[in-house]
Protein backbone atom coordinates (compact mmCIF):
# COMPACT_ATOMS: atom_id res chain seq x y z
CA UNK A 1 0.00 0.00 0.00
CA UNK A 2 2.92 2.35 0.72
CA UNK A 3 4.32 1.86 -2.78
CA UNK A 4 0.93 2.54 -4.38
CA UNK A 5 0.58 5.72 -2.31
CA UNK A 6 4.03 6.92 -3.37
CA UNK A 7 3.34 6.18 -7.03
CA UNK A 8 -0.09 7.86 -6.97
CA UNK A 9 1.27 10.92 -5.15
CA UNK A 10 4.14 11.27 -7.61
CA UNK A 11 1.82 10.81 -10.57
CA UNK A 12 -0.57 13.41 -9.19
CA UNK A 13 2.19 15.95 -8.64
CA UNK A 14 3.73 15.46 -12.07
CA UNK A 15 0.35 15.58 -13.79
CA UNK A 16 -0.66 18.77 -11.99
CA UNK A 17 2.64 20.42 -12.88
CA UNK A 18 2.34 19.33 -16.51
CA UNK A 19 -1.23 20.56 -16.84
CA UNK A 20 -0.34 23.92 -15.31
CA UNK A 21 2.70 24.48 -17.50
CA UNK A 22 1.05 23.34 -20.73
CA UNK A 23 -2.21 25.14 -19.99
CA UNK A 24 -0.46 28.42 -19.30
CA UNK A 25 1.64 28.02 -22.43
CA UNK A 26 -1.45 27.42 -24.57
CA UNK A 27 -3.21 30.39 -22.98
CA UNK A 28 -0.32 32.75 -23.74
CA UNK A 29 0.36 31.40 -27.24
CA UNK A 30 -3.22 31.01 -28.47
CA UNK A 31 -3.30 34.53 -29.93
CA UNK A 32 0.07 34.11 -31.65
CA UNK A 33 -0.20 30.53 -32.92
CA UNK A 34 -2.91 28.51 -34.53
CA UNK A 35 -3.19 25.80 -31.91
CA UNK A 36 -4.98 22.74 -33.29
CA UNK A 37 -8.21 21.66 -31.68
CA UNK A 38 -6.83 18.18 -31.00
CA UNK A 39 -4.03 19.70 -28.88
CA UNK A 40 -6.60 21.53 -26.78
CA UNK A 41 -8.70 18.36 -26.47
CA UNK A 42 -5.60 16.44 -25.35
CA UNK A 43 -4.93 18.97 -22.61
CA UNK A 44 -8.55 18.92 -21.49
CA UNK A 45 -8.35 15.13 -21.25
CA UNK A 46 -5.06 15.39 -19.38
CA UNK A 47 -6.64 17.88 -16.98
CA UNK A 48 -9.61 15.61 -16.28
CA UNK A 49 -7.31 12.63 -15.73
CA UNK A 50 -5.22 14.73 -13.35
CA UNK A 51 -8.27 15.68 -11.31
CA UNK A 52 -9.38 12.04 -11.10
CA UNK A 53 -5.90 10.81 -10.08
CA UNK A 54 -5.59 13.57 -7.48
CA UNK A 55 -9.00 12.77 -5.99
CA UNK A 56 -8.09 9.07 -5.83
CA UNK A 57 -4.79 9.91 -4.14
CA UNK A 58 -6.47 12.14 -1.58
CA UNK A 59 -9.02 9.40 -0.93
CA UNK A 60 -6.31 6.80 -0.46
CA UNK A 61 -4.42 9.03 1.94
CA UNK A 62 -7.63 9.81 3.84
CA UNK A 63 -8.45 6.15 4.34
CA UNK A 64 -4.85 5.33 5.22
CA UNK A 65 -4.23 8.02 7.83
CA UNK A 66 -7.57 9.35 9.08
CA UNK A 67 -9.55 6.14 9.29
CA UNK A 68 -6.64 4.03 10.52
């Protein structure tokens, strides 16, 4: 369970960082570049997956430490 928690926490952190960096880049470059719709859809999907992974990680940590 400890290994799963470490992996999920790392994945959540990296995903959040990636979504923030890429999202801010797209926001600043959208006026200058023609960003394809599939790139925006990819980042929306990545954002949704990040939220789901983060919620699962928080849930795992809650059940591990609060309910233990």
